[in-house]
Amino acid sequence: MIRPALVRWYEIVQQLLTATKQTDEEQRDAIIEKIDGMLDERDQLQQEIQAPFTPEEEVLGKQLVLLEKQVVQSLDAYMNLIRTNINDSKSKKEHVKTYMNPYGKVARDGTFYDTKQ
């Protein structure tokens, strides 16, 4: 007999894996909220899961350990994707600013001053 908390943990892990594979930028905020909610629920379930475990639960637990490693990797990849998108948008903003005002960042220290007037 497997506890409902372990079954729900397994379901959450599967949902996390599918949620981190969605890279649609228009729905990114909703996906992040969904992932955050699932992680909170998973933290609450962790308190309910205590030893002793049945043999079926031990088998499921070994599967969950492997899946948790995949979840960590996919969450890291998703965060890196978000970071690269943020960095790209910042560089685009800087590029547009320099295009619109090409002499905005020119140092004024070496400007020639004509002292013979």
N, C-alpha and C. Protein backbone atom coordinates (compact mmCIF):
# COMPACT_ATOMS: atom_id res chain seq x y z
N MET A 1 0.84 -1.18 0.00
CA MET A 1 0.00 0.00 0.00
C MET A 1 0.89 1.24 0.00
N ILE A 2 0.71 2.08 -0.99
CA ILE A 2 1.49 3.30 -1.12
C ILE A 2 0.67 4.46 -0.57
N ARG A 3 1.31 5.29 0.23
CA ARG A 3 0.64 6.43 0.84
C ARG A 3 0.21 7.44 -0.23
N PRO A 4 -0.92 8.11 0.01
CA PRO A 4 -1.38 9.12 -0.95
C PRO A 4 -0.39 10.27 -1.12
N ALA A 5 0.37 10.59 -0.07
CA ALA A 5 1.34 11.67 -0.16
C ALA A 5 2.44 11.32 -1.16
N LEU A 6 2.88 10.07 -1.16
CA LEU A 6 3.91 9.65 -2.12
C LEU A 6 3.37 9.64 -3.54
N VAL A 7 2.14 9.22 -3.70
CA VAL A 7 1.53 9.21 -5.03
C VAL A 7 1.40 10.63 -5.54
N ARG A 8 0.97 11.54 -4.68
CA ARG A 8 0.84 12.94 -5.08
C ARG A 8 2.20 13.55 -5.39
N TRP A 9 3.23 13.18 -4.64
CA TRP A 9 4.60 13.65 -4.90
C TRP A 9 5.02 13.22 -6.30
N TYR A 10 4.74 11.97 -6.64
CA TYR A 10 5.08 11.45 -7.97
C TYR A 10 4.36 12.24 -9.06
N GLU A 11 3.08 12.55 -8.83
CA GLU A 11 2.32 13.33 -9.80
C GLU A 11 2.90 14.74 -9.96
N ILE A 12 3.29 15.36 -8.86
CA ILE A 12 3.86 16.70 -8.90
C ILE A 12 5.18 16.69 -9.66
N VAL A 13 5.99 15.66 -9.44
CA VAL A 13 7.27 15.56 -10.15
C VAL A 13 7.04 15.46 -11.65
N GLN A 14 6.06 14.67 -12.05
CA GLN A 14 5.74 14.55 -13.48
C GLN A 14 5.27 15.89 -14.04
N GLN A 15 4.44 16.60 -13.29
CA GLN A 15 3.94 17.90 -13.74
C GLN A 15 5.07 18.92 -13.83
N LEU A 16 6.01 18.86 -12.89
CA LEU A 16 7.15 19.78 -12.94
C LEU A 16 7.99 19.53 -14.18
N LEU A 17 8.19 18.27 -14.51
CA LEU A 17 8.99 17.95 -15.71
C LEU A 17 8.32 18.46 -16.98
N THR A 18 7.02 18.33 -17.06
CA THR A 18 6.33 18.83 -18.26
C THR A 18 6.26 20.36 -18.27
N ALA A 19 6.12 20.97 -17.09
CA ALA A 19 6.01 22.44 -17.04
C ALA A 19 7.32 23.10 -17.42
N THR A 20 8.45 22.51 -17.06
CA THR A 20 9.73 23.13 -17.37
C THR A 20 10.11 22.95 -18.84
N LYS A 21 9.41 22.10 -19.55
CA LYS A 21 9.69 21.93 -20.98
C LYS A 21 8.94 22.95 -21.83
N GLN A 22 7.99 23.66 -21.24
CA GLN A 22 7.24 24.68 -21.97
C GLN A 22 8.06 25.96 -22.01
N THR A 23 8.38 26.42 -23.20
CA THR A 23 9.24 27.60 -23.34
C THR A 23 8.52 28.77 -23.99
N ASP A 24 7.21 28.76 -23.96
CA ASP A 24 6.43 29.84 -24.57
C ASP A 24 6.57 31.10 -23.72
N GLU A 25 7.12 32.16 -24.31
CA GLU A 25 7.39 33.39 -23.55
C GLU A 25 6.13 34.11 -23.14
N GLU A 26 5.04 33.98 -23.90
CA GLU A 26 3.81 34.68 -23.56
C GLU A 26 3.18 34.09 -22.30
N GLN A 27 3.38 32.82 -22.05
CA GLN A 27 2.77 32.15 -20.90
C GLN A 27 3.78 31.94 -19.76
N ARG A 28 4.93 32.57 -19.85
CA ARG A 28 6.00 32.31 -18.88
C ARG A 28 5.59 32.65 -17.45
N ASP A 29 4.90 33.77 -17.25
CA ASP A 29 4.51 34.15 -15.89
C ASP A 29 3.57 33.11 -15.27
N ALA A 30 2.62 32.63 -16.07
CA ALA A 30 1.69 31.62 -15.56
C ALA A 30 2.42 30.32 -15.26
N ILE A 31 3.38 29.96 -16.09
CA ILE A 31 4.14 28.73 -15.87
C ILE A 31 4.98 28.85 -14.60
N ILE A 32 5.58 30.01 -14.38
CA ILE A 32 6.40 30.21 -13.18
C ILE A 32 5.53 30.13 -11.93
N GLU A 33 4.35 30.73 -11.97
CA GLU A 33 3.43 30.64 -10.83
C GLU A 33 3.01 29.20 -10.58
N LYS A 34 2.76 28.47 -11.65
CA LYS A 34 2.36 27.07 -11.53
C LYS A 34 3.49 26.25 -10.91
N ILE A 35 4.72 26.47 -11.37
CA ILE A 35 5.87 25.75 -10.84
C ILE A 35 6.06 26.09 -9.36
N ASP A 36 5.91 27.37 -9.03
CA ASP A 36 6.07 27.79 -7.64
C ASP A 36 5.03 27.11 -6.74
N GLY A 37 3.81 27.04 -7.20
CA GLY A 37 2.76 26.36 -6.43
C GLY A 37 3.04 24.88 -6.24
N MET A 38 3.53 24.25 -7.30
CA MET A 38 3.85 22.82 -7.20
C MET A 38 5.00 22.59 -6.23
N LEU A 39 6.00 23.46 -6.25
CA LEU A 39 7.12 23.31 -5.32
C LEU A 39 6.67 23.52 -3.88
N ASP A 40 5.76 24.46 -3.65
CA ASP A 40 5.22 24.67 -2.30
C ASP A 40 4.45 23.44 -1.83
N GLU A 41 3.63 22.89 -2.71
CA GLU A 41 2.85 21.70 -2.35
C GLU A 41 3.77 20.52 -2.07
N ARG A 42 4.83 20.42 -2.85
CA ARG A 42 5.80 19.33 -2.65
C ARG A 42 6.49 19.47 -1.30
N ASP A 43 6.80 20.70 -0.90
CA ASP A 43 7.40 20.92 0.42
C ASP A 43 6.46 20.52 1.55
N GLN A 44 5.18 20.79 1.38
CA GLN A 44 4.21 20.40 2.40
C GLN A 44 4.06 18.88 2.46
N LEU A 45 4.12 18.22 1.31
CA LEU A 45 4.00 16.76 1.29
C LEU A 45 5.21 16.10 1.93
N GLN A 46 6.34 16.75 1.87
CA GLN A 46 7.56 16.16 2.42
C GLN A 46 7.42 15.94 3.93
N GLN A 47 6.69 16.80 4.61
CA GLN A 47 6.49 16.65 6.05
C GLN A 47 5.63 15.44 6.38
N GLU A 48 4.75 15.05 5.47
CA GLU A 48 3.85 13.92 5.70
C GLU A 48 4.53 12.58 5.45
N ILE A 49 5.63 12.57 4.75
CA ILE A 49 6.28 11.31 4.39
C ILE A 49 7.34 11.00 5.44
N GLN A 50 7.06 10.00 6.25
CA GLN A 50 7.96 9.58 7.32
C GLN A 50 8.15 8.06 7.25
N ALA A 51 9.29 7.60 7.76
CA ALA A 51 9.55 6.16 7.84
C ALA A 51 8.63 5.57 8.89
N PRO A 52 8.36 4.33 8.87
CA PRO A 52 8.84 3.21 8.05
C PRO A 52 8.09 3.12 6.72
N PHE A 53 8.79 2.60 5.74
CA PHE A 53 8.24 2.49 4.41
C PHE A 53 7.97 1.02 4.06
N THR A 54 6.93 0.82 3.27
CA THR A 54 6.63 -0.52 2.77
C THR A 54 7.55 -0.81 1.58
N PRO A 55 7.67 -2.06 1.18
CA PRO A 55 8.52 -2.37 0.02
C PRO A 55 8.09 -1.64 -1.26
N GLU A 56 6.77 -1.48 -1.46
CA GLU A 56 6.30 -0.75 -2.65
C GLU A 56 6.72 0.71 -2.58
N GLU A 57 6.65 1.27 -1.37
CA GLU A 57 7.05 2.67 -1.21
C GLU A 57 8.55 2.84 -1.43
N GLU A 58 9.34 1.86 -1.05
CA GLU A 58 10.78 1.94 -1.28
C GLU A 58 11.10 1.93 -2.77
N VAL A 59 10.39 1.11 -3.53
CA VAL A 59 10.59 1.06 -4.99
C VAL A 59 10.21 2.40 -5.60
N LEU A 60 9.06 2.94 -5.19
CA LEU A 60 8.62 4.24 -5.69
C LEU A 60 9.59 5.33 -5.27
N GLY A 61 10.11 5.22 -4.06
CA GLY A 61 11.07 6.20 -3.58
C GLY A 61 12.34 6.22 -4.41
N LYS A 62 12.82 5.06 -4.83
CA LYS A 62 14.01 5.00 -5.68
C LYS A 62 13.74 5.65 -7.03
N GLN A 63 12.54 5.45 -7.57
CA GLN A 63 12.16 6.10 -8.82
C GLN A 63 12.09 7.61 -8.63
N LEU A 64 11.54 8.02 -7.48
CA LEU A 64 11.41 9.45 -7.21
C LEU A 64 12.77 10.12 -7.07
N VAL A 65 13.74 9.43 -6.50
CA VAL A 65 15.08 10.01 -6.37
C VAL A 65 15.66 10.29 -7.75
N LEU A 66 15.49 9.37 -8.67
CA LEU A 66 15.99 9.58 -10.03
C LEU A 66 15.24 10.71 -10.72
N LEU A 67 13.92 10.75 -10.53
CA LEU A 67 13.12 11.81 -11.15
C LEU A 67 13.44 13.17 -10.54
N GLU A 68 13.75 13.20 -9.25
CA GLU A 68 14.09 14.48 -8.61
C GLU A 68 15.37 15.06 -9.21
N LYS A 69 16.31 14.21 -9.56
CA LYS A 69 17.53 14.70 -10.21
C LYS A 69 17.19 15.34 -11.55
N GLN A 70 16.28 14.72 -12.28
CA GLN A 70 15.85 15.28 -13.56
C GLN A 70 15.12 16.62 -13.35
N VAL A 71 14.32 16.70 -12.29
CA VAL A 71 13.59 17.93 -12.00
C VAL A 71 14.56 19.06 -11.70
N VAL A 72 15.59 18.77 -10.90
CA VAL A 72 16.58 19.80 -10.57
C VAL A 72 17.28 20.28 -11.83
N GLN A 73 17.65 19.35 -12.70
CA GLN A 73 18.32 19.72 -13.95
C GLN A 73 17.40 20.54 -14.84
N SER A 74 16.14 20.15 -14.95
CA SER A 74 15.23 20.88 -15.82
C SER A 74 14.89 22.26 -15.24
N LEU A 75 14.80 22.37 -13.92
CA LEU A 75 14.56 23.68 -13.32
C LEU A 75 15.77 24.60 -13.52
N ASP A 76 16.97 24.04 -13.41
CA ASP A 76 18.17 24.84 -13.68
C ASP A 76 18.21 25.30 -15.13
N ALA A 77 17.87 24.40 -16.04
CA ALA A 77 17.86 24.77 -17.46
C ALA A 77 16.81 25.85 -17.73
N TYR A 78 15.65 25.74 -17.09
CA TYR A 78 14.59 26.73 -17.27
C TYR A 78 15.03 28.09 -16.73
N MET A 79 15.69 28.08 -15.57
CA MET A 79 16.19 29.34 -15.01
C MET A 79 17.25 29.95 -15.91
N ASN A 80 18.12 29.13 -16.46
CA ASN A 80 19.16 29.64 -17.37
C ASN A 80 18.53 30.23 -18.63
N LEU A 81 17.47 29.60 -19.12
CA LEU A 81 16.77 30.13 -20.28
C LEU A 81 16.19 31.51 -19.98
N ILE A 82 15.61 31.66 -18.81
CA ILE A 82 15.05 32.95 -18.42
C ILE A 82 16.16 33.99 -18.29
N ARG A 83 17.27 33.59 -17.68
CA ARG A 83 18.39 34.53 -17.52
C ARG A 83 18.93 34.98 -18.88
N THR A 84 19.07 34.05 -19.82
CA THR A 84 19.58 34.45 -21.13
C THR A 84 18.60 35.37 -21.84
N ASN A 85 17.31 35.12 -21.69
CA ASN A 85 16.32 36.01 -22.29
C ASN A 85 16.38 37.40 -21.67
N ILE A 86 16.57 37.48 -20.37
CA ILE A 86 16.69 38.78 -19.71
C ILE A 86 17.94 39.50 -20.19
N ASN A 87 19.06 38.79 -20.27
CA ASN A 87 20.30 39.40 -20.74
C ASN A 87 20.19 39.85 -22.19
N ASP A 88 19.51 39.05 -23.02
CA ASP A 88 19.31 39.44 -24.42
C ASP A 88 18.48 40.71 -24.52
N SER A 89 17.43 40.79 -23.72
CA SER A 89 16.60 41.99 -23.80
C SER A 89 17.35 43.22 -23.30
N LYS A 90 18.19 43.05 -22.28
CA LYS A 90 18.99 44.18 -21.80
C LYS A 90 19.98 44.64 -22.87
N SER A 91 20.62 43.68 -23.55
CA SER A 91 21.58 44.06 -24.58
C SER A 91 20.87 44.71 -25.76
N LYS A 92 19.67 44.28 -26.07
CA LYS A 92 18.91 44.92 -27.15
C LYS A 92 18.56 46.36 -26.78
N LYS A 93 18.20 46.58 -25.52
CA LYS A 93 17.89 47.95 -25.09
C LYS A 93 19.12 48.83 -25.20
N GLU A 94 20.27 48.31 -24.79
CA GLU A 94 21.52 49.08 -24.89
C GLU A 94 21.87 49.35 -26.35
N HIS A 95 21.66 48.36 -27.20
CA HIS A 95 21.96 48.53 -28.62
C HIS A 95 21.08 49.61 -29.23
N VAL A 96 19.80 49.61 -28.86
CA VAL A 96 18.88 50.63 -29.39
C VAL A 96 19.29 52.01 -28.89
N LYS A 97 19.69 52.10 -27.62
CA LYS A 97 20.11 53.41 -27.09
C LYS A 97 21.36 53.92 -27.81
N THR A 98 22.32 53.05 -28.06
CA THR A 98 23.53 53.49 -28.75
C THR A 98 23.25 53.79 -30.22
N TYR A 99 22.28 53.14 -30.80
CA TYR A 99 21.91 53.42 -32.18
C TYR A 99 21.24 54.79 -32.28
N MET A 100 20.38 55.09 -31.32
CA MET A 100 19.66 56.36 -31.34
C MET A 100 20.58 57.53 -30.98
N ASN A 101 21.55 57.31 -30.10
CA ASN A 101 22.46 58.36 -29.68
C ASN A 101 23.88 57.79 -29.71
N PRO A 102 24.52 57.78 -30.89
CA PRO A 102 25.82 57.11 -31.00
C PRO A 102 26.94 57.80 -30.23
N TYR A 103 26.80 59.07 -29.92
CA TYR A 103 27.85 59.79 -29.21
C TYR A 103 27.52 59.99 -27.73
N GLY A 104 26.58 59.25 -27.24
CA GLY A 104 26.17 59.40 -25.85
C GLY A 104 27.21 58.92 -24.85
N LYS A 105 28.00 57.92 -25.22
CA LYS A 105 28.98 57.37 -24.30
C LYS A 105 30.41 57.81 -24.62
N VAL A 106 30.57 58.81 -25.44
CA VAL A 106 31.89 59.29 -25.78
C VAL A 106 32.45 60.07 -24.61
N ALA A 107 33.68 59.78 -24.23
CA ALA A 107 34.31 60.48 -23.11
C ALA A 107 34.66 61.90 -23.53
N ARG A 108 34.37 62.84 -22.68
CA ARG A 108 34.59 64.25 -22.98
C ARG A 108 35.94 64.73 -22.43
N ASP A 109 36.74 63.85 -21.86
CA ASP A 109 38.00 64.24 -21.25
C ASP A 109 39.02 64.72 -22.27
N GLY A 110 39.12 64.07 -23.40
CA GLY A 110 40.15 64.39 -24.37
C GLY A 110 39.72 65.40 -25.42
N THR A 111 38.69 66.17 -25.14
CA THR A 111 38.20 67.15 -26.11
C THR A 111 39.24 68.25 -26.28
N PHE A 112 39.41 68.67 -27.52
CA PHE A 112 40.38 69.72 -27.84
C PHE A 112 39.80 71.08 -27.47
N TYR A 113 40.55 71.82 -26.68
CA TYR A 113 40.14 73.18 -26.33
C TYR A 113 41.09 74.16 -27.03
N ASP A 114 40.53 75.08 -27.76
CA ASP A 114 41.33 76.08 -28.46
C ASP A 114 41.53 77.25 -27.49
N THR A 115 42.77 77.43 -27.06
CA THR A 115 43.06 78.49 -26.09
C THR A 115 43.47 79.78 -26.77
N LYS A 116 43.71 79.80 -28.09
CA LYS A 116 44.13 81.00 -28.81
C LYS A 116 42.90 81.67 -29.41
N GLN A 117 42.28 82.56 -28.70
CA GLN A 117 41.14 83.28 -29.27
C GLN A 117 41.32 84.73 -29.21
